[in-house]
């Protein structure tokens, strides 16, 4: 791993991201000892959630599970995202964070767009350039975006980036080792973010494939993970890997106190839960 490309955060900064996260359906996190008063209060406030996925069960709700106990910080998911979506280093859609639990265990955390079902970014967009699709994906209409950056300011996860500069025909250093661009390069003056590789998902039905099962229609970051720390699939399908994990394993959703209803669930690392 190239440490020069690793984003370090303090424990306080990570807690600011994670405070208020909720526990997934059918599971309860048991805090490991010893815990700081802040962490203890954080876990004591958590309550089991009642459901996962969107209300409508007749269509998919695409979501992701990231196992913080498995993640080794290799950043393969970061590089694959950049190569596949043609994203430069200063505009990464998927970022890698490193921190230490109160028990002294180092853990790695990656953060894509969380595809919130009650997304603050959607509410503030004055031209409806960002919206939530029926399948749960929060997407950008780059042709409609006016570059006001309201969505970027409203996102509590810092998951959006603004495209300040026009880009030439340069090739990213991650191509072709980590993949090749599969989408059109965005123009200067728009906000960008992780799409869960929406272009692949939209091909699934016509090709008779299943996202999260068939690699051709699964997000690049999930496919490339060497330790299988990422899972993807339909949260509305009880038989999908993501739904089964969430129903049987302690999981967290970041800043669940804000009511964002994120579609990304985290399995806590050792030292935060047992």
Protein backbone atom coordinates (compact mmCIF):
# COMPACT_ATOMS: atom_id res chain seq x y z
CA UNK A 1 0.00 0.00 0.00
CA UNK A 2 1.27 3.50 -0.90
CA UNK A 3 1.03 5.45 2.37
CA UNK A 4 1.30 8.74 0.49
CA UNK A 5 -2.18 8.11 -0.93
CA UNK A 6 -3.76 7.19 2.39
CA UNK A 7 -6.05 9.72 4.07
CA UNK A 8 -5.46 9.74 7.83
CA UNK A 9 -8.12 10.91 10.23
CA UNK A 10 -8.03 11.43 13.95
CA UNK A 11 -10.20 9.39 16.30
CA UNK A 12 -12.30 12.49 16.90
CA UNK A 13 -12.85 13.00 13.17
CA UNK A 14 -13.86 9.38 12.67
CA UNK A 15 -16.24 9.54 15.61
CA UNK A 16 -17.83 12.63 14.10
CA UNK A 17 -18.55 10.54 11.02
CA UNK A 18 -19.73 7.48 12.92
CA UNK A 19 -21.66 9.01 15.82
CA UNK A 20 -25.33 8.24 15.54
CA UNK A 21 -24.92 5.15 13.37
CA UNK A 22 -27.71 2.59 13.78
CA UNK A 23 -27.68 -1.18 14.19
CA UNK A 24 -29.14 -3.31 11.44
CA UNK A 25 -32.24 -5.45 11.65
CA UNK A 26 -32.09 -8.45 13.93
CA UNK A 27 -28.68 -7.69 15.40
CA UNK A 28 -27.27 -5.99 18.47
CA UNK A 29 -23.74 -4.73 18.91
CA UNK A 30 -22.03 -5.65 22.17
CA UNK A 31 -19.23 -3.19 22.98
CA UNK A 32 -15.80 -4.56 23.77
CA UNK A 33 -14.01 -3.53 26.96
CA UNK A 34 -12.58 -1.12 27.78
CA UNK A 35 -14.44 1.69 26.05
CA UNK A 36 -14.05 5.42 26.39
CA UNK A 37 -17.06 7.31 27.81
CA UNK A 38 -17.75 8.76 24.36
CA UNK A 39 -17.81 5.35 22.68
CA UNK A 40 -19.85 3.82 25.51
CA UNK A 41 -22.48 6.55 25.19
CA UNK A 42 -22.50 6.08 21.45
CA UNK A 43 -23.33 2.38 21.70
CA UNK A 44 -25.83 2.81 24.52
CA UNK A 45 -27.94 5.07 22.32
CA UNK A 46 -28.21 2.54 19.52
CA UNK A 47 -31.43 0.64 18.98
CA UNK A 48 -32.24 -2.20 16.56
CA UNK A 49 -33.71 -1.09 13.26
CA UNK A 50 -36.98 -2.56 12.10
CA UNK A 51 -36.45 -2.98 8.36
CA UNK A 52 -33.90 -2.75 5.61
CA UNK A 53 -34.35 -1.65 2.03
CA UNK A 54 -36.96 0.60 0.49
CA UNK A 55 -40.66 0.26 1.28
CA UNK A 56 -41.55 -1.24 -2.09
CA UNK A 57 -40.60 -4.91 -2.30
CA UNK A 58 -41.51 -5.34 -5.98
CA UNK A 59 -38.26 -3.74 -7.14
CA UNK A 60 -34.63 -3.94 -6.04
CA UNK A 61 -32.93 -1.62 -3.60
CA UNK A 62 -29.21 -1.80 -4.28
CA UNK A 63 -26.95 -1.63 -1.26
CA UNK A 64 -23.51 -2.53 0.06
CA UNK A 65 -21.97 -4.10 3.16
CA UNK A 66 -18.35 -3.29 4.11
CA UNK A 67 -16.62 -5.46 6.71
CA UNK A 68 -14.20 -3.24 8.65
CA UNK A 69 -12.75 -6.29 10.38
CA UNK A 70 -11.66 -7.77 7.06
CA UNK A 71 -10.45 -4.63 5.28
CA UNK A 72 -6.63 -4.56 5.09
CA UNK A 73 -6.25 -1.08 3.63
CA UNK A 74 -4.81 -2.24 0.30
CA UNK A 75 -6.77 0.49 -1.51
CA UNK A 76 -7.51 -1.83 -4.43
CA UNK A 77 -11.13 -0.67 -4.24
CA UNK A 78 -9.98 2.95 -4.49
CA UNK A 79 -7.84 2.30 -7.55
CA UNK A 80 -10.47 0.17 -9.32
CA UNK A 81 -13.07 2.89 -8.77
CA UNK A 82 -10.74 5.50 -10.21
CA UNK A 83 -9.84 3.42 -13.26
CA UNK A 84 -13.40 2.33 -14.03
CA UNK A 85 -14.98 5.76 -13.55
CA UNK A 86 -12.02 7.87 -14.77
CA UNK A 87 -11.54 9.70 -11.45
CA UNK A 88 -8.26 11.54 -10.64
CA UNK A 89 -6.53 11.38 -7.26
CA UNK A 90 -7.80 14.75 -6.05
CA UNK A 91 -11.44 13.81 -6.74
CA UNK A 92 -11.68 10.27 -5.37
CA UNK A 93 -15.23 8.95 -5.07
CA UNK A 94 -14.17 6.13 -2.76
CA UNK A 95 -11.78 7.12 0.02
CA UNK A 96 -9.67 5.18 2.51
CA UNK A 97 -9.48 6.20 6.18
CA UNK A 98 -7.27 4.73 8.91
CA UNK A 99 -7.88 4.87 12.65
CA UNK A 100 -7.44 3.00 15.93
CA UNK A 101 -10.13 1.66 18.25
CA UNK A 102 -10.09 2.43 22.00
CA UNK A 103 -8.64 -1.05 22.52
CA UNK A 104 -5.63 -0.27 20.33
CA UNK A 105 -6.67 -2.15 17.20
CA UNK A 106 -5.86 -0.42 13.91
CA UNK A 107 -8.66 -0.63 11.36
CA UNK A 108 -9.24 0.56 7.82
CA UNK A 109 -12.43 2.15 6.58
CA UNK A 110 -13.47 2.95 3.02
CA UNK A 111 -16.32 5.31 2.24
CA UNK A 112 -18.16 5.42 -1.07
CA UNK A 113 -21.34 7.44 -1.57
CA UNK A 114 -23.83 5.93 0.88
CA UNK A 115 -26.81 6.32 -1.47
CA UNK A 116 -29.16 7.65 1.21
CA UNK A 117 -32.88 7.11 0.78
CA UNK A 118 -33.59 10.35 2.64
CA UNK A 119 -30.69 12.20 1.05
CA UNK A 120 -29.89 15.74 2.21
CA UNK A 121 -28.13 16.39 -1.11
CA UNK A 122 -31.34 15.73 -3.03
CA UNK A 123 -33.38 18.09 -0.89
CA UNK A 124 -31.15 21.11 -1.50
CA UNK A 125 -30.58 20.78 -5.25
CA UNK A 126 -32.42 23.72 -6.89
CA UNK A 127 -32.57 22.12 -10.35
CA UNK A 128 -33.19 18.46 -9.45
CA UNK A 129 -29.84 17.45 -10.90
CA UNK A 130 -29.51 14.81 -8.17
CA UNK A 131 -32.27 12.44 -7.18
CA UNK A 132 -33.06 8.99 -5.79
CA UNK A 133 -34.09 6.38 -8.33
CA UNK A 134 -36.72 3.75 -7.65
CA UNK A 135 -33.95 1.19 -7.14
CA UNK A 136 -32.38 3.26 -4.35
CA UNK A 137 -29.48 4.71 -6.31
CA UNK A 138 -28.73 8.40 -5.79
CA UNK A 139 -27.55 9.70 -9.13
CA UNK A 140 -26.36 12.89 -10.82
CA UNK A 141 -27.68 14.40 -14.03
CA UNK A 142 -24.47 16.13 -15.10
CA UNK A 143 -26.22 17.94 -17.96
CA UNK A 144 -28.61 19.56 -15.50
CA UNK A 145 -26.07 20.36 -12.76
CA UNK A 146 -25.33 24.11 -12.50
CA UNK A 147 -22.36 23.73 -10.15
CA UNK A 148 -23.91 25.51 -7.17
CA UNK A 149 -22.38 22.89 -4.82
CA UNK A 150 -25.38 22.95 -2.47
CA UNK A 151 -25.44 19.14 -2.57
CA UNK A 152 -21.77 18.97 -1.65
CA UNK A 153 -22.34 21.22 1.35
CA UNK A 154 -25.41 19.27 2.47
CA UNK A 155 -23.81 15.80 2.37
CA UNK A 156 -22.94 14.80 5.96
CA UNK A 157 -20.43 12.20 4.71
CA UNK A 158 -18.29 14.44 2.49
CA UNK A 159 -18.98 12.01 -0.35
CA UNK A 160 -19.20 14.56 -3.17
CA UNK A 161 -16.46 16.39 -5.03
CA UNK A 162 -16.53 19.39 -7.34
CA UNK A 163 -14.87 19.26 -10.74
CA UNK A 164 -12.88 22.49 -10.78
CA UNK A 165 -10.71 21.90 -13.85
CA UNK A 166 -11.10 20.86 -17.43
CA UNK A 167 -9.21 17.65 -18.08
CA UNK A 168 -7.24 16.81 -21.17
CA UNK A 169 -6.69 13.43 -22.73
CA UNK A 170 -4.28 12.22 -20.06
CA UNK A 171 -4.61 8.62 -18.91
CA UNK A 172 -4.80 7.84 -15.20
CA UNK A 173 -1.87 5.87 -13.74
CA UNK A 174 -4.35 3.17 -12.61
CA UNK A 175 -5.20 2.26 -16.20
CA UNK A 176 -4.99 -0.49 -17.35
CA UNK A 177 -3.72 -2.32 -14.24
CA UNK A 178 -6.89 -1.64 -12.24
CA UNK A 179 -9.34 -1.38 -15.10
CA UNK A 180 -10.28 0.93 -17.95
CA UNK A 181 -12.73 3.86 -18.09
CA UNK A 182 -16.26 2.63 -18.74
CA UNK A 183 -18.06 5.98 -18.51
CA UNK A 184 -17.77 9.38 -20.14
CA UNK A 185 -15.46 11.89 -18.48
CA UNK A 186 -17.38 14.65 -16.71
CA UNK A 187 -17.14 18.27 -17.78
CA UNK A 188 -15.68 21.07 -15.68
CA UNK A 189 -18.07 22.73 -13.22
CA UNK A 190 -20.19 19.81 -11.98
CA UNK A 191 -20.37 17.83 -8.75
CA UNK A 192 -19.34 14.16 -8.95
CA UNK A 193 -19.72 11.14 -6.69
CA UNK A 194 -19.76 7.36 -6.48
CA UNK A 195 -22.55 5.78 -8.53
CA UNK A 196 -22.21 2.13 -7.41
CA UNK A 197 -21.09 1.67 -11.05
CA UNK A 198 -24.63 2.41 -12.21
CA UNK A 199 -23.72 1.77 -15.84
CA UNK A 200 -23.08 -1.88 -14.98
CA UNK A 201 -26.25 -2.24 -12.92
CA UNK A 202 -28.37 -0.83 -15.73
CA UNK A 203 -27.11 -3.56 -18.05
CA UNK A 204 -27.97 -6.39 -15.66
CA UNK A 205 -31.60 -6.98 -16.58
CA UNK A 206 -31.08 -7.06 -20.35
CA UNK A 207 -28.13 -9.41 -19.92
CA UNK A 208 -29.95 -11.66 -17.46
CA UNK A 209 -27.32 -11.07 -14.78
CA UNK A 210 -27.54 -10.23 -11.07
CA UNK A 211 -25.55 -7.38 -9.46
CA UNK A 212 -23.59 -8.68 -6.49
CA UNK A 213 -23.47 -12.19 -7.97
CA UNK A 214 -22.23 -11.70 -11.53
CA UNK A 215 -19.03 -9.65 -11.66
CA UNK A 216 -19.82 -7.99 -15.00
CA UNK A 217 -22.70 -6.07 -13.40
CA UNK A 218 -21.23 -5.61 -9.91
CA UNK A 219 -19.42 -2.43 -8.75
CA UNK A 220 -15.69 -2.50 -9.51
CA UNK A 221 -14.73 -1.90 -5.88
CA UNK A 222 -16.54 -5.07 -4.81
CA UNK A 223 -15.04 -7.26 -7.53
CA UNK A 224 -11.45 -6.22 -6.85
CA UNK A 225 -11.37 -6.69 -3.06
CA UNK A 226 -8.80 -9.46 -2.34
CA UNK A 227 -10.23 -10.29 1.09
CA UNK A 228 -13.95 -10.10 0.24
CA UNK A 229 -14.57 -7.21 2.62
CA UNK A 230 -17.25 -5.76 0.33
CA UNK A 231 -20.61 -7.22 -0.60
CA UNK A 232 -23.26 -5.85 -2.95
CA UNK A 233 -26.80 -6.76 -3.82
CA UNK A 234 -30.52 -6.21 -3.42
CA UNK A 235 -31.48 -5.22 0.12
CA UNK A 236 -35.08 -6.14 -0.70
CA UNK A 237 -34.19 -9.73 -1.61
CA UNK A 238 -33.91 -11.87 1.55
CA UNK A 239 -31.77 -14.38 -0.33
CA UNK A 240 -29.15 -11.84 -1.45
CA UNK A 241 -25.76 -11.86 0.30
CA UNK A 242 -26.19 -8.32 1.64
CA UNK A 243 -29.65 -8.96 3.09
CA UNK A 244 -28.49 -12.17 4.74
CA UNK A 245 -25.47 -10.49 6.30
CA UNK A 246 -27.50 -7.58 7.64
CA UNK A 247 -30.13 -9.87 9.13
CA UNK A 248 -27.60 -12.03 10.96
CA UNK A 249 -24.59 -9.84 11.72
CA UNK A 250 -24.10 -6.68 13.84
CA UNK A 251 -23.88 -3.78 11.40
CA UNK A 252 -23.78 0.00 11.56
CA UNK A 253 -25.04 2.76 9.30
CA UNK A 254 -23.13 6.03 9.56
CA UNK A 255 -24.89 8.98 11.17
CA UNK A 256 -28.18 7.16 11.36
CA UNK A 257 -29.33 9.83 13.82
CA UNK A 258 -29.76 12.16 10.84
CA UNK A 259 -32.41 9.90 9.31
CA UNK A 260 -30.55 9.64 6.01
CA UNK A 261 -31.33 5.92 5.62
CA UNK A 262 -27.99 5.06 4.05
CA UNK A 263 -27.76 2.05 1.74
CA UNK A 264 -24.24 1.16 2.95
CA UNK A 265 -23.87 -0.95 6.10
CA UNK A 266 -20.61 -1.49 8.02
CA UNK A 267 -19.62 -4.53 10.04
CA UNK A 268 -17.70 -3.05 13.03
CA UNK A 269 -14.01 -3.85 13.48
CA UNK A 270 -12.55 -5.74 16.41
CA UNK A 271 -12.31 -3.45 19.40
CA UNK A 272 -15.60 -1.70 18.75
CA UNK A 273 -17.87 -4.74 18.85
CA UNK A 274 -17.71 -8.48 19.55
